[in-house]
């Protein structure tokens, strides 16, 4: 079954809009990566643009792990670090049933 990855990010106060602009540039490559069938960039309606979540759907966790390693190797995570308030939170959910 597919895997949903929920990446939760708290940006430093006021840096959310710049972070969103950067992520919008890179998400097409995420979506095109082998094993990714969906990528959604979300902001928290109640907490504002400094609270960001990226929700993506993958064929397997192994596909996502390979993608994440590629992003680390290209230095993207280091480039995003100045925007972050703390460590990102990763949640991995296995899809049980699709209706």
N, C-alpha and C. Protein backbone atom coordinates (compact mmCIF):
# COMPACT_ATOMS: atom_id res chain seq x y z
N UNK A 1 0.83 -1.19 0.00
CA UNK A 1 0.00 0.00 0.00
C UNK A 1 0.87 1.25 0.00
N UNK A 2 0.26 2.33 -0.37
CA UNK A 2 0.95 3.62 -0.44
C UNK A 2 1.28 4.15 0.95
N UNK A 3 2.18 5.11 0.97
CA UNK A 3 2.59 5.76 2.21
C UNK A 3 2.35 7.26 2.06
N UNK A 4 1.74 7.85 3.09
CA UNK A 4 1.57 9.30 3.15
C UNK A 4 2.65 9.83 4.08
N UNK A 5 3.37 10.85 3.61
CA UNK A 5 4.37 11.51 4.43
C UNK A 5 3.84 12.90 4.76
N UNK A 6 3.74 13.16 6.05
CA UNK A 6 3.29 14.47 6.53
C UNK A 6 4.50 15.13 7.18
N UNK A 7 5.02 16.14 6.51
CA UNK A 7 6.18 16.88 7.00
C UNK A 7 5.67 18.19 7.59
N UNK A 8 5.86 18.37 8.90
CA UNK A 8 5.39 19.56 9.59
C UNK A 8 6.57 20.47 9.89
N UNK A 9 6.41 21.75 9.51
CA UNK A 9 7.50 22.70 9.62
C UNK A 9 7.00 23.96 10.31
N UNK A 10 7.73 24.39 11.33
CA UNK A 10 7.45 25.67 11.97
C UNK A 10 8.54 26.64 11.52
N UNK A 11 8.15 27.66 10.77
CA UNK A 11 9.10 28.67 10.31
C UNK A 11 9.32 29.71 11.41
N UNK A 12 10.45 30.37 11.33
CA UNK A 12 10.69 31.50 12.21
C UNK A 12 9.64 32.57 11.90
N UNK A 13 9.30 33.34 12.92
CA UNK A 13 8.23 34.32 12.78
C UNK A 13 8.47 35.24 11.57
N UNK A 14 7.48 35.29 10.69
CA UNK A 14 7.52 36.14 9.51
C UNK A 14 8.25 35.57 8.32
N UNK A 15 8.91 34.41 8.46
CA UNK A 15 9.67 33.83 7.35
C UNK A 15 8.86 32.84 6.53
N UNK A 16 7.63 32.56 6.94
CA UNK A 16 6.78 31.61 6.22
C UNK A 16 6.59 31.94 4.76
N UNK A 17 6.24 33.19 4.40
CA UNK A 17 6.04 33.50 2.98
C UNK A 17 7.27 33.25 2.11
N UNK A 18 8.46 33.59 2.60
CA UNK A 18 9.68 33.33 1.83
C UNK A 18 9.95 31.83 1.73
N UNK A 19 9.70 31.11 2.82
CA UNK A 19 9.86 29.66 2.81
C UNK A 19 8.91 29.03 1.80
N UNK A 20 7.66 29.47 1.81
CA UNK A 20 6.66 28.94 0.86
C UNK A 20 7.10 29.18 -0.58
N UNK A 21 7.63 30.36 -0.86
CA UNK A 21 8.08 30.67 -2.22
C UNK A 21 9.19 29.72 -2.65
N UNK A 22 10.12 29.43 -1.74
CA UNK A 22 11.21 28.52 -2.07
C UNK A 22 10.68 27.10 -2.30
N UNK A 23 9.78 26.66 -1.44
CA UNK A 23 9.26 25.29 -1.56
C UNK A 23 8.43 25.13 -2.83
N UNK A 24 7.71 26.17 -3.23
CA UNK A 24 6.94 26.11 -4.48
C UNK A 24 7.84 25.89 -5.68
N UNK A 25 9.08 26.35 -5.59
CA UNK A 25 10.04 26.16 -6.68
C UNK A 25 10.53 24.71 -6.75
N UNK A 26 10.61 24.04 -5.61
CA UNK A 26 11.21 22.70 -5.59
C UNK A 26 10.19 21.56 -5.63
N UNK A 27 8.93 21.84 -5.29
CA UNK A 27 7.94 20.76 -5.24
C UNK A 27 7.68 20.08 -6.59
N UNK A 28 7.77 20.78 -7.72
CA UNK A 28 7.62 20.04 -8.97
C UNK A 28 8.64 18.92 -9.13
N UNK A 29 9.87 19.13 -8.66
CA UNK A 29 10.88 18.06 -8.71
C UNK A 29 10.52 16.93 -7.75
N UNK A 30 9.93 17.28 -6.62
CA UNK A 30 9.48 16.25 -5.68
C UNK A 30 8.41 15.40 -6.34
N UNK A 31 7.44 16.05 -6.94
CA UNK A 31 6.33 15.33 -7.57
C UNK A 31 6.82 14.44 -8.71
N UNK A 32 7.85 14.88 -9.41
CA UNK A 32 8.39 14.12 -10.54
C UNK A 32 9.32 12.99 -10.09
N UNK A 33 9.70 12.96 -8.81
CA UNK A 33 10.64 11.95 -8.33
C UNK A 33 9.99 10.57 -8.35
N UNK A 34 10.79 9.57 -8.65
CA UNK A 34 10.30 8.19 -8.72
C UNK A 34 9.59 7.78 -7.44
N UNK A 35 8.35 7.35 -7.57
CA UNK A 35 7.59 6.86 -6.43
C UNK A 35 6.63 7.86 -5.84
N UNK A 36 6.72 9.13 -6.23
CA UNK A 36 5.83 10.16 -5.69
C UNK A 36 4.63 10.32 -6.62
N UNK A 37 3.43 10.20 -6.07
CA UNK A 37 2.23 10.37 -6.88
C UNK A 37 1.44 11.63 -6.52
N UNK A 38 1.87 12.32 -5.46
CA UNK A 38 1.15 13.52 -5.05
C UNK A 38 2.01 14.31 -4.07
N UNK A 39 1.96 15.63 -4.19
CA UNK A 39 2.66 16.51 -3.24
C UNK A 39 1.80 17.74 -3.02
N UNK A 40 1.50 18.02 -1.76
CA UNK A 40 0.63 19.14 -1.39
C UNK A 40 1.35 20.05 -0.42
N UNK A 41 1.37 21.33 -0.72
CA UNK A 41 1.95 22.34 0.15
C UNK A 41 0.80 23.03 0.87
N UNK A 42 0.82 22.98 2.21
CA UNK A 42 -0.30 23.48 3.00
C UNK A 42 0.19 24.46 4.06
N UNK A 43 -0.67 25.45 4.35
CA UNK A 43 -0.43 26.32 5.49
C UNK A 43 -1.57 26.13 6.48
N UNK A 44 -1.28 26.38 7.72
CA UNK A 44 -2.27 26.17 8.78
C UNK A 44 -3.24 27.35 8.79
N UNK A 45 -4.51 27.07 8.59
CA UNK A 45 -5.54 28.11 8.53
C UNK A 45 -5.58 28.92 9.82
N UNK A 46 -5.44 28.27 10.94
CA UNK A 46 -5.56 28.94 12.23
C UNK A 46 -4.25 29.56 12.72
N UNK A 47 -3.11 29.00 12.31
CA UNK A 47 -1.82 29.48 12.82
C UNK A 47 -1.04 30.33 11.84
N UNK A 48 -1.47 30.41 10.58
CA UNK A 48 -0.85 31.29 9.60
C UNK A 48 0.26 30.65 8.79
N UNK A 49 0.89 31.48 7.96
CA UNK A 49 1.86 31.01 6.98
C UNK A 49 3.19 30.56 7.56
N UNK A 50 3.40 30.79 8.84
CA UNK A 50 4.65 30.32 9.45
C UNK A 50 4.57 28.85 9.85
N UNK A 51 3.39 28.26 9.80
CA UNK A 51 3.20 26.84 10.10
C UNK A 51 2.86 26.15 8.77
N UNK A 52 3.81 25.36 8.27
CA UNK A 52 3.70 24.76 6.94
C UNK A 52 3.71 23.25 7.05
N UNK A 53 2.92 22.61 6.20
CA UNK A 53 2.96 21.15 6.11
C UNK A 53 3.05 20.75 4.65
N UNK A 54 3.89 19.77 4.39
CA UNK A 54 3.97 19.18 3.06
C UNK A 54 3.46 17.75 3.21
N UNK A 55 2.40 17.46 2.50
CA UNK A 55 1.78 16.14 2.57
C UNK A 55 1.95 15.50 1.20
N UNK A 56 2.65 14.38 1.18
CA UNK A 56 2.94 13.72 -0.09
C UNK A 56 2.58 12.25 -0.02
N UNK A 57 2.34 11.68 -1.18
CA UNK A 57 1.97 10.27 -1.28
C UNK A 57 3.04 9.55 -2.10
N UNK A 58 3.51 8.42 -1.55
CA UNK A 58 4.62 7.67 -2.13
C UNK A 58 4.24 6.20 -2.28
N UNK A 59 4.88 5.54 -3.22
CA UNK A 59 4.65 4.11 -3.42
C UNK A 59 5.07 3.32 -2.18
N UNK A 60 6.13 3.78 -1.52
CA UNK A 60 6.62 3.09 -0.32
C UNK A 60 7.50 4.06 0.48
N UNK A 61 7.77 3.70 1.73
CA UNK A 61 8.68 4.51 2.54
C UNK A 61 10.09 4.46 1.95
N UNK A 62 10.45 3.33 1.35
CA UNK A 62 11.78 3.22 0.73
C UNK A 62 11.93 4.24 -0.40
N UNK A 63 10.87 4.47 -1.17
CA UNK A 63 10.92 5.50 -2.21
C UNK A 63 11.16 6.88 -1.59
N UNK A 64 10.44 7.16 -0.49
CA UNK A 64 10.62 8.47 0.16
C UNK A 64 12.02 8.59 0.76
N UNK A 65 12.51 7.54 1.38
CA UNK A 65 13.85 7.58 1.97
C UNK A 65 14.91 7.88 0.91
N UNK A 66 14.76 7.28 -0.26
CA UNK A 66 15.70 7.53 -1.36
C UNK A 66 15.60 8.99 -1.80
N UNK A 67 14.39 9.51 -1.91
CA UNK A 67 14.18 10.91 -2.25
C UNK A 67 14.81 11.84 -1.21
N UNK A 68 14.56 11.57 0.07
CA UNK A 68 15.10 12.41 1.13
C UNK A 68 16.63 12.42 1.11
N UNK A 69 17.23 11.27 0.86
CA UNK A 69 18.69 11.20 0.76
C UNK A 69 19.19 12.07 -0.39
N UNK A 70 18.49 12.04 -1.52
CA UNK A 70 18.84 12.88 -2.67
C UNK A 70 18.78 14.36 -2.27
N UNK A 71 17.71 14.75 -1.55
CA UNK A 71 17.58 16.14 -1.12
C UNK A 71 18.72 16.52 -0.16
N UNK A 72 19.10 15.62 0.70
CA UNK A 72 20.22 15.90 1.62
C UNK A 72 21.52 16.03 0.84
N UNK A 73 21.73 15.14 -0.12
CA UNK A 73 22.96 15.17 -0.92
C UNK A 73 23.08 16.45 -1.74
N UNK A 74 21.96 17.02 -2.17
CA UNK A 74 22.01 18.24 -2.98
C UNK A 74 22.11 19.50 -2.12
N UNK A 75 22.03 19.36 -0.79
CA UNK A 75 22.18 20.50 0.10
C UNK A 75 20.90 21.28 0.34
N UNK A 76 19.78 20.77 -0.13
CA UNK A 76 18.53 21.51 0.03
C UNK A 76 18.15 21.70 1.48
N UNK A 77 18.32 20.68 2.30
CA UNK A 77 17.92 20.80 3.70
C UNK A 77 18.73 21.88 4.41
N UNK A 78 19.99 22.01 4.07
CA UNK A 78 20.84 23.07 4.65
C UNK A 78 20.35 24.44 4.19
N UNK A 79 19.89 24.54 2.95
CA UNK A 79 19.40 25.82 2.43
C UNK A 79 18.10 26.25 3.11
N UNK A 80 17.31 25.28 3.54
CA UNK A 80 16.05 25.59 4.19
C UNK A 80 16.21 25.92 5.67
N UNK A 81 17.30 25.48 6.27
CA UNK A 81 17.51 25.62 7.72
C UNK A 81 17.34 27.04 8.26
N UNK A 82 17.80 28.09 7.57
CA UNK A 82 17.65 29.44 8.13
C UNK A 82 16.20 29.90 8.30
N UNK A 83 15.28 29.23 7.67
CA UNK A 83 13.87 29.59 7.78
C UNK A 83 13.17 28.91 8.96
N UNK A 84 13.78 27.86 9.48
CA UNK A 84 13.10 26.99 10.43
C UNK A 84 13.25 27.46 11.88
N UNK A 85 12.17 27.28 12.62
CA UNK A 85 12.18 27.60 14.06
C UNK A 85 12.76 26.43 14.86
N UNK A 86 12.50 25.23 14.41
CA UNK A 86 12.98 24.03 15.09
C UNK A 86 13.15 22.91 14.08
N UNK A 87 13.28 21.72 14.59
CA UNK A 87 13.42 20.56 13.71
C UNK A 87 12.09 20.21 13.05
N UNK A 88 12.12 19.85 11.77
CA UNK A 88 10.89 19.39 11.12
C UNK A 88 10.40 18.10 11.77
N UNK A 89 9.10 17.88 11.72
CA UNK A 89 8.49 16.67 12.24
C UNK A 89 8.00 15.85 11.06
N UNK A 90 8.45 14.60 10.99
CA UNK A 90 8.03 13.68 9.93
C UNK A 90 7.04 12.68 10.51
N UNK A 91 5.94 12.49 9.80
CA UNK A 91 4.98 11.44 10.17
C UNK A 91 4.77 10.57 8.94
N UNK A 92 4.89 9.27 9.12
CA UNK A 92 4.74 8.32 8.03
C UNK A 92 3.49 7.48 8.30
N UNK A 93 2.56 7.54 7.35
CA UNK A 93 1.28 6.85 7.51
C UNK A 93 1.07 5.88 6.37
N UNK A 94 0.78 4.65 6.70
CA UNK A 94 0.48 3.67 5.67
C UNK A 94 -1.00 3.75 5.33
N UNK A 95 -1.30 3.86 4.04
CA UNK A 95 -2.68 3.93 3.62
C UNK A 95 -3.29 2.54 3.73
N UNK A 96 -4.34 2.44 4.51
CA UNK A 96 -5.01 1.17 4.72
C UNK A 96 -6.09 0.95 3.67
N UNK A 97 -6.92 1.94 3.46
CA UNK A 97 -8.04 1.82 2.54
C UNK A 97 -8.26 3.16 1.84
N UNK A 98 -8.53 3.11 0.55
CA UNK A 98 -8.86 4.31 -0.23
C UNK A 98 -10.32 4.19 -0.65
N UNK A 99 -11.09 5.21 -0.39
CA UNK A 99 -12.51 5.22 -0.77
C UNK A 99 -12.73 6.15 -1.93
